Amino acid sequence: MLGDDDSQHEEQRAPLVIEAPGVDEVGVVPWALLLRQRMRRKMAESDRYRWIVLGVALLGFLTVTFTITILAVSIPTISEDLGTSQNALTWLITGPTLAFAVIGPLVGKLGDLRGHRPVYLIGLTGAGVFAALSALAWSGPSLIAFRVLGATIGAATGPSSMAIINRAFRPEERAQAMGYWTMVMAGGPVLGVVVGGPVVEAFTWRWIFIAQVPLTILAVVVAYAVLPATDKVPGVRFDLSGAIALTAAVTLALLGLNQGPTSGWDSPLVVGAFALAPLALLLFVRIERRVPDPLIPLEYFRRRNFAFPIGVDFFLNFAYMGGFILTPLLLQEVLGYGETRAGLLSIARPLTFAVAGPIAGYLVLRVGERLSASFGAATIVASMIGLSTVGPGTSDAVVVAALALSGVGLGASVPSMSSLIANAVDIRDLGVVGASQQMLAQLGAATGIQIMQTVQAAREHAVGLAESYSQAYLVGGAVAAAGLACAVYVRSTPREPAIR
């Protein structure tokens, strides 16, 4: 199992020495450090230590992610309380989401170079501090600023938790662990939506963040005591120029996608963002080819089990999130449902996603990653086709079944693709690679949301309301089919016959 590095063993053997003028050297026993190391060493001897690491890493990850969507149902209340427009407060949701996508590779690389445990702890602590500040926010702009800053530093928990978990598990077991990571990633937002409404109605929206503070403190204390250290990489410089170029490319692409529907796809801002994003990406590639220590080794993109799984994640998130945003509008505008009924039905998708992740992680041990991902992609294609048939008179059972297919599909594919990517790269790059996977999945999600909504809006006057939604879902199905094509080309991780 994972143990501390040599410096930590040396630290355990040597007493702390304090020197002062005119005072003899005094040996002071660092009891807190010794107690923590003794407890971790005892746990490391257990066969279940890797599962303890998994649970602790996911606890902290959950405390950060569940608040991303928790304010979605509270925006009208916050708007009235702080005197800020609801349109401006949508950045309470958009800002943290963009921060997770943009900052991920940077903090992932820092973890690879400086150790994932301290980066994880710093990200978790920072998220707790900004949660406390969010509870004290005095205006809309201050709340948005605290939320974005909290998500920016809290983004470190995503790639670092994934890297710590992948290091704790053997390559053939990683799909199981990633199944639970997927459950938290998908289940956190569901928990936020479910808990957010009742908390705000019973108390105030500020209690959302007040409650987050002690949960974060608990997660920090447990993570400090339990999580293993990861090796630092000496003599390697952080690729700052590559990080700036990649951040610029992703930010510009997300800006164009975000502003396209509101400002117009032909507006100077949107056209300029889409024109500059590829240039920034080309600059990033040029930098990575020249620097001795690149942010992301480009040769990974020539590896079959790296490039194709990323394609699967991008295309399936396009369809999944495009449908996720479109479906509540379909239920309200075409079927005439109220917001509460539409919201309850929509929960079927992330809920089945969260449940399917761990189940798929175990099934991968028997069927392999390629079959699991192919099944997931085909299921999402079927979901898009099913949603394209929804119209006046469609029963709730049909809607829930179609939504559940999307959740099952993504839940079946994400653990498989995450484990394949981790197994395809050097262990020292697990952080930045995992973060890059999340970043491209977010790009796929943002692209799907905007493209499918644009298709629906553009086709409404020509074919009618219900048919415009149908055509938008079929676009999502076609993109998911591209994900299926990518899934067919991956290779499953070799496993012992006994495991099969």
Protein backbone atom coordinates (compact mmCIF):
# COMPACT_ATOMS: atom_id res chain seq x y z
CA MET A 1 0.00 0.00 0.00
CA LEU A 2 0.95 3.61 -0.20
CA GLY A 3 3.34 4.85 2.47
CA ASP A 4 5.06 8.07 3.38
CA ASP A 5 8.14 9.12 1.48
CA ASP A 6 11.65 8.89 2.92
CA SER A 7 11.59 12.40 4.27
CA GLN A 8 8.54 11.61 6.37
CA HIS A 9 10.14 8.45 7.76
CA GLU A 10 13.22 10.51 8.64
CA GLU A 11 10.99 13.12 10.23
CA GLN A 12 9.39 10.44 12.38
CA ARG A 13 12.74 9.11 13.62
CA ALA A 14 14.33 12.47 14.45
CA PRO A 15 13.12 14.67 17.34
CA LEU A 16 12.37 18.30 16.78
CA VAL A 17 15.29 20.43 18.01
CA ILE A 18 14.79 23.99 19.19
CA GLU A 19 17.82 26.23 19.54
CA ALA A 20 17.95 29.58 21.30
CA PRO A 21 20.86 31.83 22.41
CA GLY A 22 22.17 30.80 25.80
CA VAL A 23 19.86 27.80 26.07
CA ASP A 24 20.83 24.16 25.76
CA GLU A 25 19.27 22.12 22.97
CA VAL A 26 15.97 20.63 24.07
CA GLY A 27 14.34 17.63 22.40
CA VAL A 28 10.64 18.20 21.94
CA VAL A 29 8.49 15.31 20.85
CA PRO A 30 6.01 16.38 18.12
CA TRP A 31 3.13 14.38 19.61
CA ALA A 32 0.50 15.46 17.09
CA LEU A 33 2.74 14.49 14.18
CA LEU A 34 3.69 11.17 15.76
CA LEU A 35 0.07 10.36 16.55
CA ARG A 36 -1.00 11.11 12.98
CA GLN A 37 1.81 9.05 11.49
CA ARG A 38 1.16 6.14 13.88
CA MET A 39 -2.55 6.18 13.00
CA ARG A 40 -1.85 6.31 9.26
CA ARG A 41 0.74 3.54 9.52
CA LYS A 42 -1.73 1.34 11.38
CA MET A 43 -4.44 2.00 8.79
CA ALA A 44 -1.98 1.40 5.94
CA GLU A 45 -1.45 -2.12 7.26
CA SER A 46 -5.15 -2.85 6.75
CA ASP A 47 -6.36 -4.43 3.54
CA ARG A 48 -9.12 -1.83 3.44
CA TYR A 49 -6.82 1.20 3.64
CA ARG A 50 -7.36 2.08 -0.02
CA TRP A 51 -11.12 2.17 0.62
CA ILE A 52 -10.59 4.42 3.63
CA VAL A 53 -8.54 6.76 1.43
CA LEU A 54 -11.34 6.67 -1.16
CA GLY A 55 -14.00 7.60 1.40
CA VAL A 56 -11.98 10.41 2.95
CA ALA A 57 -10.99 11.93 -0.41
CA LEU A 58 -14.61 11.84 -1.58
CA LEU A 59 -15.88 13.42 1.63
CA GLY A 60 -13.88 16.56 0.96
CA PHE A 61 -14.76 16.53 -2.73
CA LEU A 62 -18.46 16.35 -1.83
CA THR A 63 -18.30 19.32 0.55
CA VAL A 64 -17.00 21.45 -2.34
CA THR A 65 -19.16 20.17 -5.22
CA PHE A 66 -22.59 19.96 -3.64
CA THR A 67 -22.86 23.76 -3.34
CA ILE A 68 -22.31 24.36 -7.07
CA THR A 69 -26.01 23.83 -7.85
CA ILE A 70 -27.49 24.37 -4.40
CA LEU A 71 -28.24 28.02 -5.15
CA ALA A 72 -30.07 27.25 -8.40
CA VAL A 73 -33.43 27.13 -6.63
CA SER A 74 -32.56 30.09 -4.40
CA ILE A 75 -31.71 32.78 -6.94
CA PRO A 76 -35.10 34.58 -6.69
CA THR A 77 -34.81 34.75 -2.88
CA ILE A 78 -31.20 35.95 -2.99
CA SER A 79 -32.11 38.52 -5.65
CA GLU A 80 -34.77 40.02 -3.39
CA ASP A 81 -32.56 39.90 -0.31
CA LEU A 82 -29.47 41.52 -1.87
CA GLY A 83 -31.21 43.76 -4.39
CA THR A 84 -29.44 42.22 -7.40
CA SER A 85 -31.03 41.10 -10.67
CA GLN A 86 -31.66 37.40 -11.16
CA ASN A 87 -29.81 37.55 -14.48
CA ALA A 88 -26.64 38.74 -12.74
CA LEU A 89 -26.97 36.08 -10.05
CA THR A 90 -26.86 33.28 -12.61
CA TRP A 91 -23.09 33.74 -12.27
CA LEU A 92 -23.46 32.02 -8.89
CA ILE A 93 -23.88 28.85 -10.95
CA THR A 94 -21.95 29.70 -14.12
CA GLY A 95 -18.88 31.16 -12.36
CA PRO A 96 -18.01 28.13 -10.19
CA THR A 97 -18.65 25.77 -13.12
CA LEU A 98 -16.26 27.71 -15.36
CA ALA A 99 -13.69 27.93 -12.56
CA PHE A 100 -13.66 24.15 -12.15
CA ALA A 101 -13.05 23.73 -15.89
CA VAL A 102 -10.41 26.44 -16.33
CA ILE A 103 -8.35 26.06 -13.16
CA GLY A 104 -8.35 22.26 -13.03
CA PRO A 105 -5.25 21.52 -15.16
CA LEU A 106 -3.20 24.13 -13.30
CA VAL A 107 -3.90 22.80 -9.82
CA GLY A 108 -3.66 19.24 -11.13
CA LYS A 109 -0.13 19.92 -12.35
CA LEU A 110 0.79 21.62 -9.08
CA GLY A 111 -0.32 18.48 -7.27
CA ASP A 112 1.80 16.32 -9.56
CA LEU A 113 4.85 18.45 -8.83
CA ARG A 114 4.38 19.39 -5.16
CA GLY A 115 2.25 16.52 -3.84
CA HIS A 116 -1.50 16.05 -4.09
CA ARG A 117 -2.16 15.85 -0.37
CA PRO A 118 -1.11 19.47 0.44
CA VAL A 119 -2.83 20.79 -2.70
CA TYR A 120 -6.01 18.92 -1.74
CA LEU A 121 -5.88 20.29 1.82
CA ILE A 122 -5.26 23.85 0.63
CA GLY A 123 -8.15 23.63 -1.83
CA LEU A 124 -10.49 22.25 0.81
CA THR A 125 -9.46 24.84 3.40
CA GLY A 126 -9.82 27.69 0.91
CA ALA A 127 -13.29 26.49 -0.07
CA GLY A 128 -14.29 26.55 3.60
CA VAL A 129 -12.93 30.06 4.12
CA PHE A 130 -14.84 31.43 1.12
CA ALA A 131 -17.97 29.58 2.23
CA ALA A 132 -17.80 31.55 5.48
CA LEU A 133 -17.31 34.78 3.52
CA SER A 134 -20.25 33.88 1.26
CA ALA A 135 -22.46 33.55 4.32
CA LEU A 136 -21.47 37.13 5.23
CA ALA A 137 -21.89 38.58 1.71
CA TRP A 138 -23.45 42.05 1.74
CA SER A 139 -24.28 42.40 -1.96
CA GLY A 140 -24.76 40.44 -5.16
CA PRO A 141 -21.26 41.23 -6.52
CA SER A 142 -19.59 40.26 -3.23
CA LEU A 143 -21.46 36.95 -3.14
CA ILE A 144 -20.55 36.21 -6.75
CA ALA A 145 -16.89 37.09 -6.08
CA PHE A 146 -16.68 34.87 -2.99
CA ARG A 147 -18.39 32.00 -4.81
CA VAL A 148 -16.07 32.20 -7.83
CA LEU A 149 -12.94 32.54 -5.67
CA GLY A 150 -14.08 29.66 -3.47
CA ALA A 151 -14.68 27.47 -6.53
CA THR A 152 -11.33 28.51 -8.02
CA ILE A 153 -9.32 27.33 -5.02
CA GLY A 154 -11.75 24.47 -4.31
CA ALA A 155 -11.18 23.17 -7.84
CA ALA A 156 -7.97 21.64 -6.49
CA THR A 157 -10.00 18.98 -4.70
CA GLY A 158 -11.19 17.45 -8.00
CA PRO A 159 -7.93 16.45 -9.73
CA SER A 160 -6.11 15.88 -6.44
CA SER A 161 -8.79 13.55 -5.08
CA MET A 162 -8.80 11.64 -8.38
CA ALA A 163 -4.99 11.34 -8.37
CA ILE A 164 -4.85 10.23 -4.71
CA ILE A 165 -7.54 7.60 -5.35
CA ASN A 166 -5.90 6.32 -8.53
CA ARG A 167 -2.58 5.99 -6.73
CA ALA A 168 -4.21 4.02 -3.91
CA PHE A 169 -5.76 1.44 -6.24
CA ARG A 170 -4.13 -1.01 -8.63
CA PRO A 171 -4.73 -0.27 -12.35
CA GLU A 172 -7.21 -3.12 -12.74
CA GLU A 173 -9.21 -1.83 -9.70
CA ARG A 174 -9.38 1.82 -10.66
CA ALA A 175 -12.71 1.54 -12.48
CA GLN A 176 -14.32 0.49 -9.18
CA ALA A 177 -12.89 3.49 -7.36
CA MET A 178 -13.83 5.85 -10.18
CA GLY A 179 -17.39 4.51 -9.96
CA TYR A 180 -17.67 5.98 -6.47
CA TRP A 181 -15.91 9.18 -7.56
CA THR A 182 -18.53 9.45 -10.31
CA MET A 183 -21.30 8.93 -7.77
CA VAL A 184 -20.10 11.92 -5.76
CA MET A 185 -19.55 14.05 -8.86
CA ALA A 186 -23.12 13.34 -10.05
CA GLY A 187 -24.80 12.98 -6.67
CA GLY A 188 -23.39 16.18 -5.17
CA PRO A 189 -25.42 18.49 -7.44
CA VAL A 190 -28.54 16.36 -6.85
CA LEU A 191 -28.05 16.68 -3.10
CA GLY A 192 -27.61 20.41 -3.54
CA VAL A 193 -30.88 20.79 -5.44
CA VAL A 194 -32.81 18.58 -3.01
CA VAL A 195 -31.42 20.19 0.17
CA GLY A 196 -31.19 23.76 -1.05
CA GLY A 197 -34.92 24.49 -1.37
CA PRO A 198 -36.02 23.29 2.09
CA VAL A 199 -33.07 24.98 3.84
CA VAL A 200 -33.76 28.31 2.19
CA GLU A 201 -37.50 28.11 2.88
CA ALA A 202 -37.02 27.12 6.55
CA PHE A 203 -34.14 29.46 7.37
CA THR A 204 -32.23 31.61 4.88
CA TRP A 205 -29.90 31.06 1.95
CA ARG A 206 -26.98 32.04 4.18
CA TRP A 207 -27.40 28.80 6.14
CA ILE A 208 -26.28 26.90 3.06
CA PHE A 209 -22.78 28.29 3.56
CA ILE A 210 -22.92 28.37 7.36
CA ALA A 211 -23.52 24.61 7.31
CA GLN A 212 -20.73 24.08 4.78
CA VAL A 213 -18.08 25.51 7.12
CA PRO A 214 -18.14 22.80 9.85
CA LEU A 215 -18.46 20.08 7.19
CA THR A 216 -15.33 21.43 5.51
CA ILE A 217 -13.45 21.63 8.82
CA LEU A 218 -14.34 17.99 9.51
CA ALA A 219 -13.19 16.97 6.03
CA VAL A 220 -9.88 18.83 6.45
CA VAL A 221 -9.15 17.24 9.83
CA VAL A 222 -9.93 13.72 8.62
CA ALA A 223 -8.00 14.20 5.35
CA TYR A 224 -4.96 15.54 7.24
CA ALA A 225 -4.97 12.45 9.45
CA VAL A 226 -5.68 9.79 6.83
CA LEU A 227 -4.61 10.72 3.30
CA PRO A 228 -1.18 9.46 2.20
CA ALA A 229 1.53 11.69 0.84
CA THR A 230 2.45 11.58 -2.83
CA ASP A 231 5.97 12.01 -4.12
CA LYS A 232 7.23 15.44 -5.06
CA VAL A 233 9.04 15.82 -8.36
CA PRO A 234 12.36 17.62 -7.74
CA GLY A 235 14.04 19.79 -10.33
CA VAL A 236 10.92 20.33 -12.47
CA ARG A 237 9.61 23.84 -13.14
CA PHE A 238 5.95 24.66 -13.47
CA ASP A 239 5.06 25.43 -17.10
CA LEU A 240 3.65 28.90 -16.46
CA SER A 241 3.57 30.00 -20.12
CA GLY A 242 1.74 26.83 -21.15
CA ALA A 243 -0.70 27.26 -18.28
CA ILE A 244 -1.48 30.82 -19.35
CA ALA A 245 -2.00 29.82 -22.98
CA LEU A 246 -4.27 26.88 -22.08
CA THR A 247 -6.27 29.00 -19.63
CA ALA A 248 -6.75 31.65 -22.31
CA ALA A 249 -7.90 29.08 -24.89
CA VAL A 250 -10.43 27.45 -22.55
CA THR A 251 -11.70 30.75 -21.15
CA LEU A 252 -12.23 32.22 -24.63
CA ALA A 253 -14.06 29.10 -25.84
CA LEU A 254 -16.32 29.04 -22.79
CA LEU A 255 -16.93 32.78 -23.04
CA GLY A 256 -18.06 32.45 -26.64
CA LEU A 257 -20.33 29.52 -25.83
CA ASN A 258 -21.78 31.29 -22.81
CA GLN A 259 -22.46 34.61 -24.52
CA GLY A 260 -23.58 33.27 -27.91
CA PRO A 261 -27.28 32.76 -27.07
CA THR A 262 -27.63 36.12 -25.28
CA SER A 263 -25.36 38.43 -27.29
CA GLY A 264 -25.90 36.70 -30.64
CA TRP A 265 -23.56 34.29 -32.39
CA ASP A 266 -22.50 37.05 -34.79
CA SER A 267 -21.73 39.63 -32.09
CA PRO A 268 -18.15 40.99 -32.01
CA LEU A 269 -17.58 39.54 -28.54
CA VAL A 270 -18.58 36.02 -29.52
CA VAL A 271 -16.85 36.08 -32.92
CA GLY A 272 -13.70 37.48 -31.33
CA ALA A 273 -13.71 34.82 -28.60
CA PHE A 274 -14.11 31.98 -31.09
CA ALA A 275 -11.42 33.48 -33.34
CA LEU A 276 -8.87 33.90 -30.55
CA ALA A 277 -9.49 30.54 -28.82
CA PRO A 278 -7.87 28.41 -31.59
CA LEU A 279 -4.93 30.82 -31.75
CA ALA A 280 -4.38 30.46 -28.01
CA LEU A 281 -4.62 26.68 -28.38
CA LEU A 282 -2.03 26.69 -31.18
CA LEU A 283 0.22 28.81 -28.98
CA PHE A 284 -0.22 26.27 -26.17
CA VAL A 285 0.78 23.40 -28.49
CA ARG A 286 3.83 25.33 -29.67
CA ILE A 287 4.89 26.05 -26.09
CA GLU A 288 4.40 22.43 -25.02
CA ARG A 289 6.63 21.20 -27.85
CA ARG A 290 9.48 23.46 -26.77
CA VAL A 291 9.53 23.51 -22.98
CA PRO A 292 11.49 20.76 -21.18
CA ASP A 293 8.71 20.19 -18.62
CA PRO A 294 5.35 20.63 -20.40
CA LEU A 295 2.09 21.15 -18.57
CA ILE A 296 0.55 18.23 -20.49
CA PRO A 297 2.84 15.87 -22.45
CA LEU A 298 1.42 16.04 -25.99
CA GLU A 299 2.56 12.52 -26.78
CA TYR A 300 -0.27 11.25 -24.59
CA PHE A 301 -2.71 12.29 -27.31
CA ARG A 302 -1.13 9.67 -29.58
CA ARG A 303 -2.02 6.93 -27.13
CA ARG A 304 -5.18 5.02 -27.99
CA ASN A 305 -6.44 4.75 -24.43
CA PHE A 306 -5.95 8.46 -23.81
CA ALA A 307 -7.28 10.18 -26.92
CA PHE A 308 -10.37 8.02 -27.52
CA PRO A 309 -11.62 8.04 -23.90
CA ILE A 310 -11.36 11.85 -23.89
CA GLY A 311 -13.44 11.84 -27.09
CA VAL A 312 -16.03 9.63 -25.38
CA ASP A 313 -16.24 12.03 -22.42
CA PHE A 314 -16.55 15.10 -24.66
CA PHE A 315 -19.27 13.74 -26.95
CA LEU A 316 -21.35 12.05 -24.25
CA ASN A 317 -21.27 15.12 -22.01
CA PHE A 318 -22.40 17.16 -25.03
CA ALA A 319 -25.57 15.07 -25.29
CA TYR A 320 -26.08 14.52 -21.56
CA MET A 321 -25.83 18.15 -20.45
CA GLY A 322 -27.52 19.50 -23.57
CA GLY A 323 -30.50 17.31 -22.76
CA PHE A 324 -30.23 18.09 -19.04
CA ILE A 325 -30.82 21.79 -19.64
CA LEU A 326 -33.34 21.34 -22.47
CA THR A 327 -35.65 18.84 -20.75
CA PRO A 328 -37.14 21.13 -18.03
CA LEU A 329 -37.97 23.65 -20.77
CA LEU A 330 -39.57 20.89 -22.86
CA LEU A 331 -41.68 19.75 -19.92
CA GLN A 332 -42.87 23.27 -19.14
CA GLU A 333 -43.41 24.60 -22.67
CA VAL A 334 -44.66 21.48 -24.49
CA LEU A 335 -46.31 19.44 -21.72
CA GLY A 336 -47.39 22.42 -19.63
CA TYR A 337 -45.82 21.20 -16.37
CA GLY A 338 -45.05 23.54 -13.49
CA GLU A 339 -41.51 24.15 -12.29
CA THR A 340 -41.81 21.80 -9.31
CA ARG A 341 -43.13 18.86 -11.35
CA ALA A 342 -40.57 19.42 -14.11
CA GLY A 343 -37.76 19.65 -11.55
CA LEU A 344 -38.76 16.44 -9.78
CA LEU A 345 -38.92 14.51 -13.05
CA SER A 346 -35.54 15.89 -14.14
CA ILE A 347 -33.86 14.52 -11.01
CA ALA A 348 -34.22 11.03 -12.54
CA ARG A 349 -31.23 11.70 -14.79
CA PRO A 350 -28.51 12.69 -12.25
CA LEU A 351 -29.94 10.26 -9.70
CA THR A 352 -29.53 7.26 -11.99
CA PHE A 353 -26.12 8.61 -13.01
CA ALA A 354 -25.02 8.58 -9.37
CA VAL A 355 -26.38 5.07 -8.78
CA ALA A 356 -25.06 3.61 -12.04
CA GLY A 357 -21.47 4.79 -11.46
CA PRO A 358 -20.51 2.40 -8.62
CA ILE A 359 -22.43 -0.48 -10.19
CA ALA A 360 -20.65 0.02 -13.51
CA GLY A 361 -17.32 0.23 -11.67
CA TYR A 362 -17.80 -3.32 -10.39
CA LEU A 363 -19.17 -4.68 -13.67
CA VAL A 364 -16.11 -3.38 -15.54
CA LEU A 365 -14.07 -6.04 -13.75
CA ARG A 366 -16.04 -8.66 -15.69
CA VAL A 367 -16.93 -7.05 -19.01
CA GLY A 368 -14.03 -4.62 -19.55
CA GLU A 369 -13.93 -0.88 -20.19
CA ARG A 370 -14.68 -1.02 -23.92
CA LEU A 371 -17.98 -2.89 -23.54
CA SER A 372 -19.00 -0.75 -20.57
CA ALA A 373 -18.33 2.51 -22.42
CA SER A 374 -19.95 1.27 -25.63
CA PHE A 375 -23.06 0.29 -23.68
CA GLY A 376 -23.12 3.69 -21.99
CA ALA A 377 -22.78 5.59 -25.26
CA ALA A 378 -25.48 3.48 -26.96
CA THR A 379 -27.78 4.07 -23.99
CA ILE A 380 -27.39 7.84 -24.28
CA VAL A 381 -28.15 7.62 -28.01
CA ALA A 382 -31.33 5.71 -27.11
CA SER A 383 -32.15 8.36 -24.48
CA MET A 384 -31.87 11.19 -27.02
CA ILE A 385 -34.10 9.30 -29.45
CA GLY A 386 -36.62 8.64 -26.68
CA LEU A 387 -36.70 12.31 -25.64
CA SER A 388 -37.17 13.33 -29.27
CA THR A 389 -40.54 11.51 -29.22
CA VAL A 390 -41.89 13.45 -26.22
CA GLY A 391 -44.88 15.60 -27.09
CA PRO A 392 -48.33 16.57 -25.82
CA GLY A 393 -49.90 13.57 -24.12
CA THR A 394 -46.64 11.74 -23.37
CA SER A 395 -46.80 10.00 -19.98
CA ASP A 396 -44.46 10.77 -17.10
CA ALA A 397 -43.23 7.16 -17.22
CA VAL A 398 -41.87 7.63 -20.74
CA VAL A 399 -40.15 10.88 -19.76
CA VAL A 400 -38.57 9.35 -16.65
CA ALA A 401 -37.43 6.27 -18.61
CA ALA A 402 -35.76 8.41 -21.28
CA LEU A 403 -34.06 10.58 -18.64
CA ALA A 404 -32.92 7.53 -16.69
CA LEU A 405 -31.29 6.12 -19.83
CA SER A 406 -29.06 9.21 -20.00
CA GLY A 407 -28.06 8.78 -16.37
CA VAL A 408 -27.32 5.08 -16.76
CA GLY A 409 -25.36 5.75 -19.95
CA LEU A 410 -23.03 8.37 -18.49
CA GLY A 411 -22.71 6.42 -15.25
CA ALA A 412 -21.59 3.35 -17.22
CA SER A 413 -19.02 5.22 -19.30
CA VAL A 414 -17.33 7.72 -16.96
CA PRO A 415 -15.65 5.26 -14.52
CA SER A 416 -14.37 3.15 -17.42
CA MET A 417 -12.92 6.09 -19.32
CA SER A 418 -11.40 7.66 -16.19
CA SER A 419 -9.61 4.44 -15.29
CA LEU A 420 -8.36 3.89 -18.86
CA ILE A 421 -6.91 7.40 -19.00
CA ALA A 422 -5.21 6.94 -15.62
CA ASN A 423 -3.76 3.61 -16.76
CA ALA A 424 -2.47 5.12 -20.02
CA VAL A 425 -0.23 7.80 -18.47
CA ASP A 426 2.72 7.99 -16.11
CA ILE A 427 1.75 8.01 -12.45
CA ARG A 428 3.46 11.39 -11.95
CA ASP A 429 0.96 13.00 -14.39
CA LEU A 430 -2.26 11.65 -12.85
CA GLY A 431 -3.30 15.04 -11.48
CA VAL A 432 -2.99 17.15 -14.62
CA VAL A 433 -4.35 14.38 -16.84
CA GLY A 434 -7.41 13.85 -14.63
CA ALA A 435 -8.02 17.59 -14.56
CA SER A 436 -7.67 17.83 -18.35
CA GLN A 437 -10.24 15.07 -18.71
CA GLN A 438 -12.66 17.03 -16.53
CA MET A 439 -11.91 20.23 -18.44
CA LEU A 440 -12.72 18.67 -21.82
CA ALA A 441 -15.85 17.07 -20.37
CA GLN A 442 -16.92 20.55 -19.20
CA LEU A 443 -16.21 21.94 -22.66
CA GLY A 444 -18.36 19.19 -24.14
CA ALA A 445 -21.13 19.99 -21.67
CA ALA A 446 -21.01 23.73 -22.38
CA THR A 447 -20.97 23.12 -26.13
CA GLY A 448 -23.92 20.74 -25.91
CA ILE A 449 -25.98 23.12 -23.81
CA GLN A 450 -25.57 26.02 -26.19
CA ILE A 451 -25.75 24.11 -29.49
CA MET A 452 -28.86 22.12 -28.60
CA GLN A 453 -30.63 25.21 -27.25
CA THR A 454 -29.66 27.13 -30.38
CA VAL A 455 -31.00 24.37 -32.64
CA GLN A 456 -34.30 24.36 -30.75
CA ALA A 457 -34.69 28.14 -30.90
CA ALA A 458 -33.68 28.36 -34.58
CA ARG A 459 -36.06 25.61 -35.71
CA GLU A 460 -39.11 26.60 -33.65
CA HIS A 461 -40.61 29.04 -36.18
CA ALA A 462 -40.06 26.62 -39.07
CA VAL A 463 -41.33 23.32 -37.61
CA GLY A 464 -43.24 24.24 -34.46
CA LEU A 465 -42.45 24.07 -30.74
CA ALA A 466 -42.60 20.31 -30.12
CA GLU A 467 -40.74 19.37 -33.32
CA SER A 468 -38.00 21.91 -32.60
CA TYR A 469 -37.22 20.13 -29.34
CA SER A 470 -37.28 16.81 -31.18
CA GLN A 471 -34.69 17.98 -33.68
CA ALA A 472 -32.46 19.36 -30.93
CA TYR A 473 -32.47 15.98 -29.18
CA LEU A 474 -31.65 14.23 -32.44
CA VAL A 475 -28.59 16.46 -32.78
CA GLY A 476 -27.58 15.32 -29.30
CA GLY A 477 -28.14 11.70 -30.37
CA ALA A 478 -25.89 12.15 -33.41
CA VAL A 479 -23.10 13.58 -31.25
CA ALA A 480 -23.51 10.74 -28.73
CA ALA A 481 -23.12 8.32 -31.66
CA ALA A 482 -19.69 9.89 -32.26
CA GLY A 483 -18.92 9.02 -28.62
CA LEU A 484 -19.99 5.45 -29.34
CA ALA A 485 -17.57 5.33 -32.27
CA CYS A 486 -14.74 6.46 -29.98
CA ALA A 487 -15.68 3.87 -27.34
CA VAL A 488 -15.35 1.04 -29.87
CA TYR A 489 -11.66 1.90 -30.40
CA VAL A 490 -10.50 1.77 -26.77
CA ARG A 491 -8.77 -1.29 -25.35
CA SER A 492 -9.80 -2.80 -22.05
CA THR A 493 -7.27 -3.14 -19.23
CA PRO A 494 -5.84 -6.70 -19.03
CA ARG A 495 -7.01 -8.53 -15.91
CA GLU A 496 -6.29 -11.79 -14.21
CA PRO A 497 -8.55 -14.66 -15.34
CA ALA A 498 -9.74 -15.18 -11.79
CA ILE A 499 -11.14 -11.67 -11.63
CA ARG A 500 -13.09 -12.22 -14.82
